[in-house]
N, C-alpha and C. Protein backbone atom coordinates (compact mmCIF):
# COMPACT_ATOMS: atom_id res chain seq x y z
N MET A 1 -39.61 -84.77 57.82
CA MET A 1 -39.35 -83.36 58.01
C MET A 1 -38.43 -83.16 59.22
N ARG A 2 -38.70 -83.90 60.26
CA ARG A 2 -37.89 -83.78 61.47
C ARG A 2 -36.44 -84.14 61.19
N TYR A 3 -36.20 -85.22 60.43
CA TYR A 3 -34.84 -85.63 60.10
C TYR A 3 -34.16 -84.60 59.20
N THR A 4 -34.91 -83.98 58.33
CA THR A 4 -34.36 -82.95 57.45
C THR A 4 -33.86 -81.77 58.27
N LEU A 5 -34.65 -81.36 59.28
CA LEU A 5 -34.26 -80.25 60.14
C LEU A 5 -33.00 -80.59 60.93
N VAL A 6 -32.92 -81.80 61.46
CA VAL A 6 -31.73 -82.23 62.20
C VAL A 6 -30.52 -82.26 61.27
N ALA A 7 -30.69 -82.75 60.06
CA ALA A 7 -29.59 -82.82 59.10
C ALA A 7 -29.10 -81.42 58.73
N MET A 8 -30.03 -80.47 58.59
CA MET A 8 -29.65 -79.09 58.25
C MET A 8 -28.85 -78.45 59.40
N VAL A 9 -29.30 -78.66 60.62
CA VAL A 9 -28.59 -78.11 61.77
C VAL A 9 -27.20 -78.72 61.86
N PHE A 10 -27.11 -80.01 61.65
CA PHE A 10 -25.83 -80.70 61.69
C PHE A 10 -24.87 -80.15 60.62
N CYS A 11 -25.36 -79.96 59.41
CA CYS A 11 -24.53 -79.42 58.32
C CYS A 11 -24.08 -78.00 58.62
N LEU A 12 -24.98 -77.21 59.17
CA LEU A 12 -24.65 -75.84 59.53
C LEU A 12 -23.55 -75.82 60.60
N ALA A 13 -23.67 -76.68 61.59
CA ALA A 13 -22.67 -76.75 62.65
C ALA A 13 -21.31 -77.17 62.08
N LEU A 14 -21.31 -78.14 61.18
CA LEU A 14 -20.05 -78.58 60.57
C LEU A 14 -19.40 -77.48 59.76
N SER A 15 -20.18 -76.75 58.99
CA SER A 15 -19.59 -75.71 58.16
C SER A 15 -19.02 -74.58 59.01
N SER A 16 -19.66 -74.24 60.13
CA SER A 16 -19.12 -73.18 60.97
C SER A 16 -17.85 -73.67 61.67
N CYS A 17 -17.77 -74.95 61.99
CA CYS A 17 -16.54 -75.49 62.58
C CYS A 17 -15.40 -75.41 61.57
N ASN A 18 -15.69 -75.75 60.32
CA ASN A 18 -14.66 -75.69 59.29
C ASN A 18 -14.17 -74.27 59.08
N GLU A 19 -15.09 -73.28 59.12
CA GLU A 19 -14.68 -71.89 58.97
C GLU A 19 -13.79 -71.47 60.13
N ALA A 20 -14.14 -71.86 61.35
CA ALA A 20 -13.34 -71.50 62.52
C ALA A 20 -11.96 -72.13 62.42
N THR A 21 -11.93 -73.40 61.96
CA THR A 21 -10.64 -74.08 61.81
C THR A 21 -9.81 -73.38 60.74
N SER A 22 -10.44 -73.00 59.63
CA SER A 22 -9.70 -72.31 58.57
C SER A 22 -9.15 -70.99 59.06
N GLN A 23 -9.94 -70.26 59.85
CA GLN A 23 -9.47 -68.99 60.37
C GLN A 23 -8.30 -69.21 61.32
N LYS A 24 -8.39 -70.24 62.17
CA LYS A 24 -7.29 -70.53 63.10
C LYS A 24 -6.03 -70.87 62.32
N GLU A 25 -6.18 -71.74 61.31
CA GLU A 25 -5.03 -72.17 60.53
C GLU A 25 -4.37 -71.00 59.83
N SER A 26 -5.18 -70.12 59.23
CA SER A 26 -4.57 -69.00 58.51
C SER A 26 -3.89 -68.03 59.46
N SER A 27 -4.44 -67.84 60.66
CA SER A 27 -3.79 -66.92 61.59
C SER A 27 -2.53 -67.54 62.19
N SER A 28 -2.48 -68.85 62.33
CA SER A 28 -1.28 -69.47 62.88
C SER A 28 -0.16 -69.53 61.85
N ILE A 29 -0.49 -69.39 60.58
CA ILE A 29 0.52 -69.40 59.53
C ILE A 29 1.29 -68.07 59.52
N THR A 30 0.66 -67.01 59.95
CA THR A 30 1.31 -65.71 60.00
C THR A 30 2.52 -65.78 60.92
N THR A 31 3.69 -65.38 60.41
CA THR A 31 4.88 -65.43 61.22
C THR A 31 5.39 -64.02 61.45
N THR A 32 6.06 -63.83 62.57
CA THR A 32 6.68 -62.55 62.86
C THR A 32 8.18 -62.77 62.98
N GLN A 33 8.93 -61.81 62.51
CA GLN A 33 10.39 -61.89 62.59
C GLN A 33 10.81 -61.67 64.03
N GLU A 34 11.72 -62.48 64.49
CA GLU A 34 12.25 -62.32 65.83
C GLU A 34 13.05 -61.03 65.89
N VAL A 35 12.92 -60.31 66.97
CA VAL A 35 13.66 -59.07 67.16
C VAL A 35 15.10 -59.38 67.56
N ILE A 36 15.29 -60.40 68.40
CA ILE A 36 16.62 -60.78 68.89
C ILE A 36 17.04 -62.09 68.24
N THR A 37 18.23 -62.08 67.64
CA THR A 37 18.76 -63.28 67.00
C THR A 37 20.19 -63.50 67.48
N VAL A 38 20.47 -64.70 67.95
CA VAL A 38 21.83 -65.07 68.34
C VAL A 38 22.52 -65.57 67.08
N ILE A 39 23.69 -64.98 66.78
CA ILE A 39 24.39 -65.37 65.55
C ILE A 39 25.81 -65.83 65.85
N ASP A 40 26.34 -66.65 64.96
CA ASP A 40 27.66 -67.22 65.14
C ASP A 40 28.77 -66.21 64.84
N VAL A 41 29.98 -66.58 65.17
CA VAL A 41 31.13 -65.69 65.02
C VAL A 41 31.32 -65.23 63.58
N GLU A 42 31.23 -66.16 62.63
CA GLU A 42 31.47 -65.81 61.23
C GLU A 42 30.47 -64.76 60.74
N THR A 43 29.21 -64.96 61.04
CA THR A 43 28.18 -64.02 60.62
C THR A 43 28.36 -62.69 61.33
N PHE A 44 28.66 -62.75 62.61
CA PHE A 44 28.87 -61.53 63.40
C PHE A 44 30.03 -60.73 62.80
N GLU A 45 31.11 -61.41 62.45
CA GLU A 45 32.27 -60.73 61.88
C GLU A 45 31.91 -60.03 60.57
N LYS A 46 31.17 -60.70 59.71
CA LYS A 46 30.80 -60.13 58.41
C LYS A 46 29.90 -58.90 58.55
N GLU A 47 29.01 -58.93 59.53
CA GLU A 47 28.00 -57.88 59.63
C GLU A 47 28.33 -56.80 60.65
N ALA A 48 28.91 -57.16 61.78
CA ALA A 48 29.04 -56.23 62.90
C ALA A 48 30.31 -55.41 62.91
N THR A 49 31.35 -55.89 62.27
CA THR A 49 32.63 -55.19 62.38
C THR A 49 32.89 -54.20 61.25
N VAL A 50 31.91 -53.99 60.39
CA VAL A 50 32.07 -53.02 59.31
C VAL A 50 31.83 -51.61 59.85
N ALA A 51 32.47 -50.64 59.21
CA ALA A 51 32.29 -49.25 59.62
C ALA A 51 30.81 -48.88 59.53
N GLY A 52 30.33 -48.19 60.55
CA GLY A 52 28.94 -47.75 60.56
C GLY A 52 27.98 -48.70 61.26
N ALA A 53 28.42 -49.92 61.55
CA ALA A 53 27.55 -50.87 62.26
C ALA A 53 27.39 -50.40 63.71
N GLN A 54 26.24 -50.65 64.27
CA GLN A 54 25.99 -50.32 65.66
C GLN A 54 26.42 -51.50 66.51
N LEU A 55 27.68 -51.49 66.90
CA LEU A 55 28.31 -52.59 67.63
C LEU A 55 28.54 -52.16 69.07
N VAL A 56 28.01 -52.94 70.01
CA VAL A 56 28.05 -52.55 71.42
C VAL A 56 28.64 -53.67 72.28
N ASP A 57 29.67 -53.31 73.04
CA ASP A 57 30.30 -54.19 74.02
C ASP A 57 29.73 -53.81 75.38
N VAL A 58 29.12 -54.77 76.09
CA VAL A 58 28.45 -54.47 77.36
C VAL A 58 29.25 -54.94 78.58
N ARG A 59 30.51 -55.27 78.38
CA ARG A 59 31.34 -55.76 79.48
C ARG A 59 31.81 -54.63 80.39
N ARG A 60 32.37 -55.01 81.52
CA ARG A 60 32.91 -54.04 82.47
C ARG A 60 34.12 -53.34 81.89
N ASP A 61 34.49 -52.20 82.49
CA ASP A 61 35.62 -51.40 82.01
C ASP A 61 36.91 -52.22 81.93
N ASN A 62 37.21 -52.99 82.97
CA ASN A 62 38.47 -53.75 82.97
C ASN A 62 38.47 -54.82 81.88
N GLU A 63 37.33 -55.37 81.54
CA GLU A 63 37.25 -56.36 80.45
C GLU A 63 37.48 -55.66 79.11
N TRP A 64 36.85 -54.51 78.95
CA TRP A 64 36.99 -53.71 77.72
C TRP A 64 38.46 -53.37 77.48
N GLU A 65 39.15 -52.96 78.54
CA GLU A 65 40.55 -52.55 78.42
C GLU A 65 41.47 -53.70 78.02
N ARG A 66 41.07 -54.92 78.32
CA ARG A 66 41.89 -56.09 77.93
C ARG A 66 41.71 -56.46 76.46
N GLY A 67 40.79 -55.81 75.78
CA GLY A 67 40.58 -56.06 74.36
C GLY A 67 39.11 -56.08 73.99
N HIS A 68 38.82 -55.55 72.82
CA HIS A 68 37.44 -55.47 72.34
C HIS A 68 37.45 -55.53 70.81
N LEU A 69 36.28 -55.61 70.23
CA LEU A 69 36.17 -55.67 68.78
C LEU A 69 36.33 -54.27 68.18
N LYS A 70 36.94 -54.22 67.01
CA LYS A 70 37.15 -52.97 66.29
C LYS A 70 35.79 -52.29 66.05
N ASN A 71 35.75 -51.00 66.23
CA ASN A 71 34.56 -50.15 66.00
C ASN A 71 33.46 -50.33 67.04
N ALA A 72 33.73 -51.08 68.10
CA ALA A 72 32.70 -51.28 69.13
C ALA A 72 32.58 -50.05 70.01
N LYS A 73 31.35 -49.81 70.47
CA LYS A 73 31.09 -48.79 71.49
C LYS A 73 31.02 -49.51 72.82
N HIS A 74 31.49 -48.87 73.87
CA HIS A 74 31.49 -49.51 75.19
C HIS A 74 30.36 -48.94 76.03
N PHE A 75 29.30 -49.74 76.21
CA PHE A 75 28.15 -49.37 77.03
C PHE A 75 28.04 -50.40 78.14
N GLU A 76 28.73 -50.20 79.23
CA GLU A 76 28.74 -51.17 80.32
C GLU A 76 27.35 -51.35 80.91
N MET A 77 26.92 -52.60 81.02
CA MET A 77 25.62 -52.91 81.64
C MET A 77 25.65 -52.46 83.09
N GLY A 78 24.56 -51.88 83.55
CA GLY A 78 24.45 -51.44 84.93
C GLY A 78 25.08 -50.08 85.18
N ASN A 79 25.72 -49.51 84.20
CA ASN A 79 26.33 -48.19 84.29
C ASN A 79 25.22 -47.15 84.45
N PRO A 80 25.40 -46.13 85.30
CA PRO A 80 24.37 -45.10 85.47
C PRO A 80 24.02 -44.38 84.16
N ASN A 81 24.95 -44.39 83.19
CA ASN A 81 24.71 -43.73 81.90
C ASN A 81 24.10 -44.67 80.87
N TRP A 82 23.78 -45.88 81.26
CA TRP A 82 23.30 -46.91 80.33
C TRP A 82 22.16 -46.40 79.44
N GLN A 83 21.13 -45.84 80.04
CA GLN A 83 19.97 -45.39 79.28
C GLN A 83 20.35 -44.30 78.28
N SER A 84 21.13 -43.33 78.70
CA SER A 84 21.52 -42.25 77.78
C SER A 84 22.43 -42.78 76.68
N GLN A 85 23.23 -43.80 76.99
CA GLN A 85 24.09 -44.39 75.97
C GLN A 85 23.27 -45.09 74.89
N ILE A 86 22.30 -45.91 75.28
CA ILE A 86 21.53 -46.62 74.25
C ILE A 86 20.66 -45.66 73.44
N GLU A 87 20.35 -44.51 74.01
CA GLU A 87 19.57 -43.51 73.26
C GLU A 87 20.37 -42.89 72.13
N THR A 88 21.69 -43.11 72.10
CA THR A 88 22.52 -42.61 71.00
C THR A 88 22.43 -43.52 69.78
N LEU A 89 21.82 -44.68 69.93
CA LEU A 89 21.69 -45.64 68.84
C LEU A 89 20.40 -45.42 68.06
N ASP A 90 20.41 -45.81 66.79
CA ASP A 90 19.22 -45.73 65.95
C ASP A 90 18.40 -47.00 66.15
N LYS A 91 17.17 -46.83 66.64
CA LYS A 91 16.31 -47.99 66.94
C LYS A 91 15.89 -48.77 65.69
N ASN A 92 15.98 -48.14 64.53
CA ASN A 92 15.53 -48.79 63.30
C ASN A 92 16.65 -49.46 62.52
N LYS A 93 17.88 -49.33 63.01
CA LYS A 93 19.02 -50.01 62.38
C LYS A 93 19.43 -51.19 63.26
N PRO A 94 19.99 -52.24 62.66
CA PRO A 94 20.44 -53.38 63.46
C PRO A 94 21.47 -52.98 64.51
N VAL A 95 21.38 -53.62 65.67
CA VAL A 95 22.33 -53.42 66.75
C VAL A 95 22.97 -54.78 67.03
N TYR A 96 24.29 -54.79 67.15
CA TYR A 96 25.05 -56.00 67.43
C TYR A 96 25.64 -55.87 68.83
N VAL A 97 25.37 -56.84 69.69
CA VAL A 97 25.84 -56.77 71.07
C VAL A 97 26.67 -58.01 71.41
N TYR A 98 27.61 -57.80 72.34
CA TYR A 98 28.39 -58.93 72.85
C TYR A 98 28.90 -58.62 74.25
N CYS A 99 29.23 -59.69 74.95
CA CYS A 99 29.85 -59.60 76.27
C CYS A 99 30.95 -60.65 76.32
N ALA A 100 31.23 -61.20 77.48
CA ALA A 100 32.29 -62.21 77.58
C ALA A 100 31.82 -63.57 77.06
N LYS A 101 30.66 -64.05 77.57
CA LYS A 101 30.19 -65.39 77.21
C LYS A 101 28.78 -65.42 76.62
N GLY A 102 28.02 -64.37 76.77
CA GLY A 102 26.67 -64.33 76.20
C GLY A 102 25.55 -64.01 77.17
N GLY A 103 25.80 -64.08 78.46
CA GLY A 103 24.76 -63.82 79.45
C GLY A 103 24.33 -62.37 79.52
N ARG A 104 25.30 -61.48 79.68
CA ARG A 104 24.97 -60.05 79.79
C ARG A 104 24.44 -59.50 78.48
N SER A 105 25.00 -59.98 77.36
CA SER A 105 24.51 -59.47 76.08
C SER A 105 23.07 -59.93 75.83
N ALA A 106 22.70 -61.09 76.32
CA ALA A 106 21.30 -61.54 76.20
C ALA A 106 20.38 -60.61 76.99
N LYS A 107 20.81 -60.22 78.19
CA LYS A 107 20.03 -59.27 78.99
C LYS A 107 19.97 -57.91 78.31
N CYS A 108 21.09 -57.49 77.76
CA CYS A 108 21.14 -56.22 77.03
C CYS A 108 20.19 -56.26 75.84
N ALA A 109 20.23 -57.34 75.09
CA ALA A 109 19.36 -57.48 73.92
C ALA A 109 17.89 -57.37 74.33
N GLN A 110 17.53 -57.98 75.43
CA GLN A 110 16.15 -57.89 75.92
C GLN A 110 15.81 -56.45 76.30
N GLN A 111 16.72 -55.76 76.94
CA GLN A 111 16.48 -54.35 77.30
C GLN A 111 16.34 -53.48 76.06
N LEU A 112 17.15 -53.75 75.04
CA LEU A 112 17.04 -53.00 73.79
C LEU A 112 15.70 -53.27 73.12
N LYS A 113 15.27 -54.51 73.14
CA LYS A 113 13.97 -54.86 72.58
C LYS A 113 12.86 -54.10 73.30
N GLU A 114 12.91 -54.09 74.63
CA GLU A 114 11.90 -53.38 75.42
C GLU A 114 11.94 -51.87 75.18
N ALA A 115 13.11 -51.36 74.79
CA ALA A 115 13.26 -49.93 74.50
C ALA A 115 12.80 -49.57 73.09
N GLY A 116 12.41 -50.59 72.30
CA GLY A 116 11.86 -50.33 70.98
C GLY A 116 12.78 -50.59 69.80
N PHE A 117 13.94 -51.20 70.06
CA PHE A 117 14.83 -51.53 68.95
C PHE A 117 14.21 -52.68 68.15
N THR A 118 14.36 -52.62 66.83
CA THR A 118 13.64 -53.56 65.97
C THR A 118 14.46 -54.78 65.54
N THR A 119 15.79 -54.65 65.49
CA THR A 119 16.63 -55.76 65.04
C THR A 119 17.89 -55.80 65.89
N ILE A 120 18.05 -56.89 66.64
CA ILE A 120 19.17 -57.02 67.56
C ILE A 120 19.85 -58.36 67.33
N TYR A 121 21.17 -58.32 67.18
CA TYR A 121 21.95 -59.54 67.00
C TYR A 121 22.90 -59.69 68.19
N ASP A 122 22.95 -60.88 68.74
CA ASP A 122 23.75 -61.19 69.92
C ASP A 122 24.81 -62.22 69.51
N LEU A 123 26.08 -61.93 69.82
CA LEU A 123 27.18 -62.84 69.48
C LEU A 123 27.13 -64.09 70.33
N GLU A 124 26.95 -65.23 69.69
CA GLU A 124 26.90 -66.52 70.38
C GLU A 124 28.24 -66.79 71.08
N GLY A 125 28.19 -67.01 72.38
CA GLY A 125 29.40 -67.32 73.13
C GLY A 125 30.27 -66.12 73.46
N GLY A 126 29.84 -64.93 73.07
CA GLY A 126 30.55 -63.70 73.40
C GLY A 126 31.96 -63.61 72.84
N ILE A 127 32.73 -62.67 73.40
CA ILE A 127 34.09 -62.44 72.91
C ILE A 127 34.99 -63.64 73.18
N ASN A 128 34.66 -64.44 74.19
CA ASN A 128 35.45 -65.66 74.43
C ASN A 128 35.39 -66.59 73.23
N ASN A 129 34.21 -66.75 72.65
CA ASN A 129 34.03 -67.57 71.46
C ASN A 129 34.74 -66.91 70.27
N TRP A 130 34.66 -65.60 70.20
CA TRP A 130 35.32 -64.83 69.14
C TRP A 130 36.84 -65.10 69.16
N LYS A 131 37.44 -64.96 70.35
CA LYS A 131 38.89 -65.19 70.48
C LYS A 131 39.26 -66.65 70.21
N ALA A 132 38.42 -67.58 70.68
CA ALA A 132 38.69 -69.00 70.43
C ALA A 132 38.66 -69.33 68.95
N SER A 133 37.94 -68.53 68.17
CA SER A 133 37.87 -68.72 66.73
C SER A 133 39.04 -68.05 66.01
N GLY A 134 39.94 -67.42 66.78
CA GLY A 134 41.11 -66.79 66.20
C GLY A 134 40.85 -65.42 65.60
N LYS A 135 39.76 -64.79 65.97
CA LYS A 135 39.41 -63.47 65.42
C LYS A 135 40.15 -62.37 66.18
N PRO A 136 40.43 -61.25 65.51
CA PRO A 136 41.23 -60.18 66.13
C PRO A 136 40.44 -59.32 67.13
N ILE A 137 41.19 -58.81 68.09
CA ILE A 137 40.64 -57.82 69.02
C ILE A 137 41.62 -56.67 69.09
N GLU A 138 41.13 -55.53 69.56
CA GLU A 138 42.00 -54.36 69.71
C GLU A 138 42.31 -54.13 71.15
């Protein structure tokens, strides 16, 4: 009888461990879509440069004046109007951001995410990579 009781407790402990493991496994399988995605020049060109896309250049004024992507809005990072500028964008539509090399646009993307934007694409290597790929600027 004593061995039967020990065996029952042991089996009960094993089954509860298996349930806990199954619950852990099923919850770890659940994936969430990343809000910020760094994309290559070709993909960025196909998606971001079409009319109606929310395309944002975060470079300084003098950089913008030397050339930018067609249909881009100029929202300079650190500008006193920065917050009011991003409020003109639709948080539920994709936003495409770029800078010179990718550093400022990564910071911008993080700020957009914190402001509640749901889908943000960042140009890998910035406009420098864009120009090196032979893509047009205005």
